Amino acid sequence: MDALQKPLTPSPELAAIVGPGMHARGQVVSKVWEYIRKHNLQNPADKREILADAALKKVFGRDKCTMFEMNKYLAQHLK
C-alpha cells in the first residue's frame, strides 16, 4: 500500500474540515480542496494562494499559504 492510500487519523482541527475518522492522504487533500472551493478561499489574483478562514488557520497556522506549502501543513495534522 503506498503512502497516499494508507489510512491516517486527522487532528481535531483538520477533522473539522475533512470529517471524523481515518482518511487516506489523497482523500484529505481532495476534501481540503473541496472546502477551499466551496468557501471561495483561493486568492482571485493568484489562484495558487489559499486565503485561510478561521478553520483553515487552525491547520495552517497562518493567514495564507500557497497550494505547494499546503501539503506540508496538512502532514503535521495527520497521524
PDB file of N, CA and C in Angstrom:
ATOM      1  N   MET A   1       0.860  -1.190   0.000  1.00  0.00           N
ATOM      2  CA  MET A   1       0.000   0.000   0.000  1.00  0.00           C
ATOM      3  C   MET A   1       0.899   1.243   0.000  1.00  0.00           C
ATOM      4  N   ASP A   2       0.652   2.153  -0.920  1.00  0.00           N
ATOM      5  CA  ASP A   2       1.509   3.333  -0.952  1.00  0.00           C
ATOM      6  C   ASP A   2       1.050   4.371   0.077  1.00  0.00           C
ATOM      7  N   ALA A   3       1.890   5.371   0.303  1.00  0.00           N
ATOM      8  CA  ALA A   3       1.658   6.357   1.357  1.00  0.00           C
ATOM      9  C   ALA A   3       0.371   7.157   1.150  1.00  0.00           C
ATOM     10  N   LEU A   4      -0.041   7.353  -0.093  1.00  0.00           N
ATOM     11  CA  LEU A   4      -1.254   8.136  -0.351  1.00  0.00           C
ATOM     12  C   LEU A   4      -2.524   7.381   0.017  1.00  0.00           C
ATOM     13  N   GLN A   5      -2.446   6.036   0.107  1.00  0.00           N
ATOM     14  CA  GLN A   5      -3.640   5.241   0.393  1.00  0.00           C
ATOM     15  C   GLN A   5      -3.719   4.764   1.835  1.00  0.00           C
ATOM     16  N   LYS A   6      -2.639   4.929   2.601  1.00  0.00           N
ATOM     17  CA  LYS A   6      -2.624   4.469   3.986  1.00  0.00           C
ATOM     18  C   LYS A   6      -3.580   5.321   4.827  1.00  0.00           C
ATOM     19  N   PRO A   7      -4.510   4.688   5.547  1.00  0.00           N
ATOM     20  CA  PRO A   7      -5.447   5.477   6.354  1.00  0.00           C
ATOM     21  C   PRO A   7      -4.736   6.178   7.504  1.00  0.00           C
ATOM     22  N   LEU A   8      -5.014   7.463   7.677  1.00  0.00           N
ATOM     23  CA  LEU A   8      -4.407   8.267   8.732  1.00  0.00           C
ATOM     24  C   LEU A   8      -5.514   8.960   9.524  1.00  0.00           C
ATOM     25  N   THR A   9      -5.201   9.298  10.764  1.00  0.00           N
ATOM     26  CA  THR A   9      -6.169   9.979  11.619  1.00  0.00           C
ATOM     27  C   THR A   9      -5.869  11.476  11.610  1.00  0.00           C
ATOM     28  N   PRO A  10      -6.852  12.305  11.218  1.00  0.00           N
ATOM     29  CA  PRO A  10      -6.625  13.752  11.229  1.00  0.00           C
ATOM     30  C   PRO A  10      -6.702  14.322  12.645  1.00  0.00           C
ATOM     31  N   SER A  11      -5.992  15.417  12.871  1.00  0.00           N
ATOM     32  CA  SER A  11      -6.097  16.131  14.151  1.00  0.00           C
ATOM     33  C   SER A  11      -7.530  16.670  14.266  1.00  0.00           C
ATOM     34  N   PRO A  12      -7.953  17.064  15.483  1.00  0.00           N
ATOM     35  CA  PRO A  12      -9.307  17.632  15.624  1.00  0.00           C
ATOM     36  C   PRO A  12      -9.520  18.848  14.708  1.00  0.00           C
ATOM     37  N   GLU A  13      -8.464  19.666  14.517  1.00  0.00           N
ATOM     38  CA  GLU A  13      -8.572  20.858  13.673  1.00  0.00           C
ATOM     39  C   GLU A  13      -8.817  20.474  12.209  1.00  0.00           C
ATOM     40  N   LEU A  14      -8.084  19.460  11.746  1.00  0.00           N
ATOM     41  CA  LEU A  14      -8.246  19.020  10.358  1.00  0.00           C
ATOM     42  C   LEU A  14      -9.558  18.240  10.184  1.00  0.00           C
ATOM     43  N   ALA A  15      -9.934  17.468  11.196  1.00  0.00           N
ATOM     44  CA  ALA A  15     -11.187  16.696  11.133  1.00  0.00           C
ATOM     45  C   ALA A  15     -12.395  17.627  10.996  1.00  0.00           C
ATOM     46  N   ALA A  16     -12.298  18.845  11.509  1.00  0.00           N
ATOM     47  CA  ALA A  16     -13.387  19.823  11.371  1.00  0.00           C
ATOM     48  C   ALA A  16     -13.628  20.155   9.900  1.00  0.00           C
ATOM     49  N   ILE A  17     -12.617  19.988   9.069  1.00  0.00           N
ATOM     50  CA  ILE A  17     -12.725  20.284   7.638  1.00  0.00           C
ATOM     51  C   ILE A  17     -13.017  19.030   6.820  1.00  0.00           C
ATOM     52  N   VAL A  18     -12.287  17.941   7.091  1.00  0.00           N
ATOM     53  CA  VAL A  18     -12.403  16.732   6.254  1.00  0.00           C
ATOM     54  C   VAL A  18     -13.372  15.694   6.801  1.00  0.00           C
ATOM     55  N   GLY A  19     -13.801  15.870   8.046  1.00  0.00           N
ATOM     56  CA  GLY A  19     -14.713  14.908   8.665  1.00  0.00           C
ATOM     57  C   GLY A  19     -13.956  13.962   9.576  1.00  0.00           C
ATOM     58  N   PRO A  20     -14.659  13.369  10.540  1.00  0.00           N
ATOM     59  CA  PRO A  20     -14.022  12.468  11.505  1.00  0.00           C
ATOM     60  C   PRO A  20     -13.658  11.122  10.880  1.00  0.00           C
ATOM     61  N   GLY A  21     -12.878  10.356  11.588  1.00  0.00           N
ATOM     62  CA  GLY A  21     -12.497   9.026  11.113  1.00  0.00           C
ATOM     63  C   GLY A  21     -11.198   9.059  10.324  1.00  0.00           C
ATOM     64  N   MET A  22     -10.760   7.881   9.911  1.00  0.00           N
ATOM     65  CA  MET A  22      -9.497   7.770   9.204  1.00  0.00           C
ATOM     66  C   MET A  22      -9.677   8.056   7.718  1.00  0.00           C
ATOM     67  N   HIS A  23      -8.696   8.728   7.142  1.00  0.00           N
ATOM     68  CA  HIS A  23      -8.714   9.081   5.721  1.00  0.00           C
ATOM     69  C   HIS A  23      -7.337   8.828   5.120  1.00  0.00           C
ATOM     70  N   ALA A  24      -7.302   8.456   3.868  1.00  0.00           N
ATOM     71  CA  ALA A  24      -6.038   8.369   3.146  1.00  0.00           C
ATOM     72  C   ALA A  24      -5.571   9.793   2.844  1.00  0.00           C
ATOM     73  N   ARG A  25      -4.263   9.991   2.750  1.00  0.00           N
ATOM     74  CA  ARG A  25      -3.700  11.316   2.496  1.00  0.00           C
ATOM     75  C   ARG A  25      -4.312  11.951   1.233  1.00  0.00           C
ATOM     76  N   GLY A  26      -4.475  11.151   0.177  1.00  0.00           N
ATOM     77  CA  GLY A  26      -5.066  11.659  -1.056  1.00  0.00           C
ATOM     78  C   GLY A  26      -6.483  12.169  -0.856  1.00  0.00           C
ATOM     79  N   GLN A  27      -7.262  11.432  -0.036  1.00  0.00           N
ATOM     80  CA  GLN A  27      -8.640  11.849   0.276  1.00  0.00           C
ATOM     81  C   GLN A  27      -8.639  13.170   1.036  1.00  0.00           C
ATOM     82  N   VAL A  28      -7.703  13.286   1.991  1.00  0.00           N
ATOM     83  CA  VAL A  28      -7.622  14.500   2.799  1.00  0.00           C
ATOM     84  C   VAL A  28      -7.370  15.712   1.902  1.00  0.00           C
ATOM     85  N   VAL A  29      -6.404  15.582   0.993  1.00  0.00           N
ATOM     86  CA  VAL A  29      -6.079  16.686   0.081  1.00  0.00           C
ATOM     87  C   VAL A  29      -7.302  17.038  -0.770  1.00  0.00           C
ATOM     88  N   SER A  30      -8.000  16.023  -1.290  1.00  0.00           N
ATOM     89  CA  SER A  30      -9.204  16.268  -2.098  1.00  0.00           C
ATOM     90  C   SER A  30     -10.281  16.997  -1.299  1.00  0.00           C
ATOM     91  N   LYS A  31     -10.494  16.548  -0.054  1.00  0.00           N
ATOM     92  CA  LYS A  31     -11.533  17.158   0.779  1.00  0.00           C
ATOM     93  C   LYS A  31     -11.171  18.594   1.155  1.00  0.00           C
ATOM     94  N   VAL A  32      -9.887  18.847   1.399  1.00  0.00           N
ATOM     95  CA  VAL A  32      -9.462  20.215   1.717  1.00  0.00           C
ATOM     96  C   VAL A  32      -9.686  21.111   0.493  1.00  0.00           C
ATOM     97  N   TRP A  33      -9.379  20.601  -0.700  1.00  0.00           N
ATOM     98  CA  TRP A  33      -9.621  21.395  -1.917  1.00  0.00           C
ATOM     99  C   TRP A  33     -11.116  21.654  -2.114  1.00  0.00           C
ATOM    100  N   GLU A  34     -11.960  20.659  -1.834  1.00  0.00           N
ATOM    101  CA  GLU A  34     -13.418  20.870  -1.917  1.00  0.00           C
ATOM    102  C   GLU A  34     -13.828  22.013  -0.991  1.00  0.00           C
ATOM    103  N   TYR A  35     -13.286  21.979   0.225  1.00  0.00           N
ATOM    104  CA  TYR A  35     -13.592  23.009   1.225  1.00  0.00           C
ATOM    105  C   TYR A  35     -13.133  24.384   0.735  1.00  0.00           C
ATOM    106  N   ILE A  36     -11.917  24.445   0.189  1.00  0.00           N
ATOM    107  CA  ILE A  36     -11.362  25.713  -0.309  1.00  0.00           C
ATOM    108  C   ILE A  36     -12.254  26.282  -1.416  1.00  0.00           C
ATOM    109  N   ARG A  37     -12.675  25.424  -2.341  1.00  0.00           N
ATOM    110  CA  ARG A  37     -13.523  25.890  -3.455  1.00  0.00           C
ATOM    111  C   ARG A  37     -14.917  26.298  -2.956  1.00  0.00           C
ATOM    112  N   LYS A  38     -15.482  25.471  -2.074  1.00  0.00           N
ATOM    113  CA  LYS A  38     -16.829  25.736  -1.552  1.00  0.00           C
ATOM    114  C   LYS A  38     -16.891  27.088  -0.836  1.00  0.00           C
ATOM    115  N   HIS A  39     -15.820  27.430  -0.116  1.00  0.00           N
ATOM    116  CA  HIS A  39     -15.784  28.677   0.657  1.00  0.00           C
ATOM    117  C   HIS A  39     -15.042  29.792  -0.077  1.00  0.00           C
ATOM    118  N   ASN A  40     -14.689  29.550  -1.337  1.00  0.00           N
ATOM    119  CA  ASN A  40     -14.066  30.570  -2.188  1.00  0.00           C
ATOM    120  C   ASN A  40     -12.812  31.170  -1.530  1.00  0.00           C
ATOM    121  N   LEU A  41     -11.883  30.295  -1.145  1.00  0.00           N
ATOM    122  CA  LEU A  41     -10.710  30.736  -0.387  1.00  0.00           C
ATOM    123  C   LEU A  41      -9.434  30.873  -1.225  1.00  0.00           C
ATOM    124  N   GLN A  42      -9.562  30.738  -2.545  1.00  0.00           N
ATOM    125  CA  GLN A  42      -8.392  30.978  -3.389  1.00  0.00           C
ATOM    126  C   GLN A  42      -8.307  32.469  -3.676  1.00  0.00           C
ATOM    127  N   ASN A  43      -7.099  33.013  -3.632  1.00  0.00           N
ATOM    128  CA  ASN A  43      -6.875  34.413  -3.959  1.00  0.00           C
ATOM    129  C   ASN A  43      -7.240  34.612  -5.434  1.00  0.00           C
ATOM    130  N   PRO A  44      -8.215  35.489  -5.746  1.00  0.00           N
ATOM    131  CA  PRO A  44      -8.614  35.663  -7.155  1.00  0.00           C
ATOM    132  C   PRO A  44      -7.459  36.174  -8.031  1.00  0.00           C
ATOM    133  N   ALA A  45      -6.541  36.931  -7.437  1.00  0.00           N
ATOM    134  CA  ALA A  45      -5.412  37.479  -8.200  1.00  0.00           C
ATOM    135  C   ALA A  45      -4.319  36.439  -8.441  1.00  0.00           C
ATOM    136  N   ASP A  46      -4.241  35.427  -7.563  1.00  0.00           N
ATOM    137  CA  ASP A  46      -3.226  34.381  -7.686  1.00  0.00           C
ATOM    138  C   ASP A  46      -3.829  33.073  -7.174  1.00  0.00           C
ATOM    139  N   LYS A  47      -4.354  32.266  -8.092  1.00  0.00           N
ATOM    140  CA  LYS A  47      -5.085  31.051  -7.719  1.00  0.00           C
ATOM    141  C   LYS A  47      -4.229  30.052  -6.931  1.00  0.00           C
ATOM    142  N   ARG A  48      -2.899  30.200  -6.981  1.00  0.00           N
ATOM    143  CA  ARG A  48      -2.027  29.286  -6.218  1.00  0.00           C
ATOM    144  C   ARG A  48      -2.047  29.598  -4.734  1.00  0.00           C
ATOM    145  N   GLU A  49      -2.543  30.775  -4.382  1.00  0.00           N
ATOM    146  CA  GLU A  49      -2.546  31.198  -2.981  1.00  0.00           C
ATOM    147  C   GLU A  49      -3.892  30.900  -2.331  1.00  0.00           C
ATOM    148  N   ILE A  50      -3.836  30.303  -1.137  1.00  0.00           N
ATOM    149  CA  ILE A  50      -5.037  29.962  -0.379  1.00  0.00           C
ATOM    150  C   ILE A  50      -5.150  30.931   0.790  1.00  0.00           C
ATOM    151  N   LEU A  51      -6.291  31.586   0.897  1.00  0.00           N
ATOM    152  CA  LEU A  51      -6.547  32.535   1.973  1.00  0.00           C
ATOM    153  C   LEU A  51      -7.327  31.794   3.060  1.00  0.00           C
ATOM    154  N   ALA A  52      -6.688  31.570   4.189  1.00  0.00           N
ATOM    155  CA  ALA A  52      -7.281  30.732   5.237  1.00  0.00           C
ATOM    156  C   ALA A  52      -8.418  31.439   5.965  1.00  0.00           C
ATOM    157  N   ASP A  53      -9.536  30.707   6.152  1.00  0.00           N
ATOM    158  CA  ASP A  53     -10.589  31.190   7.040  1.00  0.00           C
ATOM    159  C   ASP A  53     -10.233  30.688   8.445  1.00  0.00           C
ATOM    160  N   ALA A  54     -11.116  30.901   9.412  1.00  0.00           N
ATOM    161  CA  ALA A  54     -10.813  30.535  10.804  1.00  0.00           C
ATOM    162  C   ALA A  54     -10.444  29.054  10.944  1.00  0.00           C
ATOM    163  N   ALA A  55     -11.190  28.168  10.255  1.00  0.00           N
ATOM    164  CA  ALA A  55     -10.938  26.725  10.370  1.00  0.00           C
ATOM    165  C   ALA A  55      -9.588  26.346   9.757  1.00  0.00           C
ATOM    166  N   LEU A  56      -9.297  26.879   8.570  1.00  0.00           N
ATOM    167  CA  LEU A  56      -8.023  26.541   7.914  1.00  0.00           C
ATOM    168  C   LEU A  56      -6.837  27.163   8.640  1.00  0.00           C
ATOM    169  N   LYS A  57      -7.049  28.306   9.269  1.00  0.00           N
ATOM    170  CA  LYS A  57      -5.968  28.964  10.009  1.00  0.00           C
ATOM    171  C   LYS A  57      -5.464  28.053  11.138  1.00  0.00           C
ATOM    172  N   LYS A  58      -6.391  27.275  11.732  1.00  0.00           N
ATOM    173  CA  LYS A  58      -6.008  26.340  12.801  1.00  0.00           C
ATOM    174  C   LYS A  58      -5.119  25.221  12.253  1.00  0.00           C
ATOM    175  N   VAL A  59      -5.297  24.884  10.984  1.00  0.00           N
ATOM    176  CA  VAL A  59      -4.497  23.835  10.354  1.00  0.00           C
ATOM    177  C   VAL A  59      -3.177  24.408   9.828  1.00  0.00           C
ATOM    178  N   PHE A  60      -3.254  25.531   9.117  1.00  0.00           N
ATOM    179  CA  PHE A  60      -2.058  26.117   8.503  1.00  0.00           C
ATOM    180  C   PHE A  60      -1.202  26.894   9.497  1.00  0.00           C
ATOM    181  N   GLY A  61      -1.840  27.443  10.547  1.00  0.00           N
ATOM    182  CA  GLY A  61      -1.097  28.263  11.496  1.00  0.00           C
ATOM    183  C   GLY A  61      -0.759  29.643  10.946  1.00  0.00           C
ATOM    184  N   ARG A  62      -1.412  30.044   9.867  1.00  0.00           N
ATOM    185  CA  ARG A  62      -1.158  31.360   9.260  1.00  0.00           C
ATOM    186  C   ARG A  62      -2.365  31.787   8.434  1.00  0.00           C
ATOM    187  N   ASP A  63      -2.352  33.034   7.972  1.00  0.00           N
ATOM    188  CA  ASP A  63      -3.492  33.599   7.232  1.00  0.00           C
ATOM    189  C   ASP A  63      -3.593  33.100   5.802  1.00  0.00           C
ATOM    190  N   LYS A  64      -2.448  32.749   5.206  1.00  0.00           N
ATOM    191  CA  LYS A  64      -2.464  32.272   3.820  1.00  0.00           C
ATOM    192  C   LYS A  64      -1.254  31.398   3.560  1.00  0.00           C
ATOM    193  N   CYS A  65      -1.356  30.573   2.533  1.00  0.00           N
ATOM    194  CA  CYS A  65      -0.221  29.756   2.105  1.00  0.00           C
ATOM    195  C   CYS A  65      -0.433  29.417   0.633  1.00  0.00           C
ATOM    196  N   THR A  66       0.608  28.914  -0.008  1.00  0.00           N
ATOM    197  CA  THR A  66       0.453  28.505  -1.404  1.00  0.00           C
ATOM    198  C   THR A  66      -0.036  27.060  -1.446  1.00  0.00           C
ATOM    199  N   MET A  67      -0.565  26.660  -2.589  1.00  0.00           N
ATOM    200  CA  MET A  67      -1.048  25.288  -2.735  1.00  0.00           C
ATOM    201  C   MET A  67       0.101  24.289  -2.557  1.00  0.00           C
ATOM    202  N   PHE A  68       1.344  24.742  -2.807  1.00  0.00           N
ATOM    203  CA  PHE A  68       2.503  23.855  -2.668  1.00  0.00           C
ATOM    204  C   PHE A  68       2.878  23.680  -1.200  1.00  0.00           C
ATOM    205  N   GLU A  69       2.719  24.726  -0.402  1.00  0.00           N
ATOM    206  CA  GLU A  69       3.009  24.640   1.039  1.00  0.00           C
ATOM    207  C   GLU A  69       1.931  23.861   1.786  1.00  0.00           C
ATOM    208  N   MET A  70       0.720  23.862   1.245  1.00  0.00           N
ATOM    209  CA  MET A  70      -0.428  23.279   1.936  1.00  0.00           C
ATOM    210  C   MET A  70      -0.160  21.845   2.412  1.00  0.00           C
ATOM    211  N   ASN A  71       0.440  21.010   1.570  1.00  0.00           N
ATOM    212  CA  ASN A  71       0.668  19.609   1.947  1.00  0.00           C
ATOM    213  C   ASN A  71       1.577  19.479   3.165  1.00  0.00           C
ATOM    214  N   LYS A  72       2.537  20.387   3.295  1.00  0.00           N
ATOM    215  CA  LYS A  72       3.432  20.382   4.452  1.00  0.00           C
ATOM    216  C   LYS A  72       2.622  20.609   5.733  1.00  0.00           C
ATOM    217  N   TYR A  73       1.676  21.556   5.689  1.00  0.00           N
ATOM    218  CA  TYR A  73       0.854  21.844   6.870  1.00  0.00           C
ATOM    219  C   TYR A  73      -0.130  20.716   7.155  1.00  0.00           C
ATOM    220  N   LEU A  74      -0.684  20.138   6.101  1.00  0.00           N
ATOM    221  CA  LEU A  74      -1.610  19.018   6.293  1.00  0.00           C
ATOM    222  C   LEU A  74      -0.900  17.829   6.940  1.00  0.00           C
ATOM    223  N   ALA A  75       0.336  17.571   6.524  1.00  0.00           N
ATOM    224  CA  ALA A  75       1.103  16.422   7.056  1.00  0.00           C
ATOM    225  C   ALA A  75       1.266  16.534   8.570  1.00  0.00           C
ATOM    226  N   GLN A  76       1.363  17.750   9.083  1.00  0.00           N
ATOM    227  CA  GLN A  76       1.525  17.956  10.531  1.00  0.00           C
ATOM    228  C   GLN A  76       0.252  17.612  11.304  1.00  0.00           C
ATOM    229  N   HIS A  77      -0.860  17.463  10.590  1.00  0.00           N
ATOM    230  CA  HIS A  77      -2.153  17.185  11.243  1.00  0.00           C
ATOM    231  C   HIS A  77      -2.641  15.758  10.948  1.00  0.00           C
ATOM    232  N   LEU A  78      -1.757  14.905  10.418  1.00  0.00           N
ATOM    233  CA  LEU A  78      -2.130  13.516  10.126  1.00  0.00           C
ATOM    234  C   LEU A  78      -1.208  12.563  10.882  1.00  0.00           C
ATOM    235  N   LYS A  79      -1.810  11.560  11.532  1.00  0.00           N
ATOM    236  CA  LYS A  79      -1.016  10.546  12.258  1.00  0.00           C
ATOM    237  C   LYS A  79      -1.374   9.165  11.712  1.00  0.00           C
TER     238      LYS A  79
END
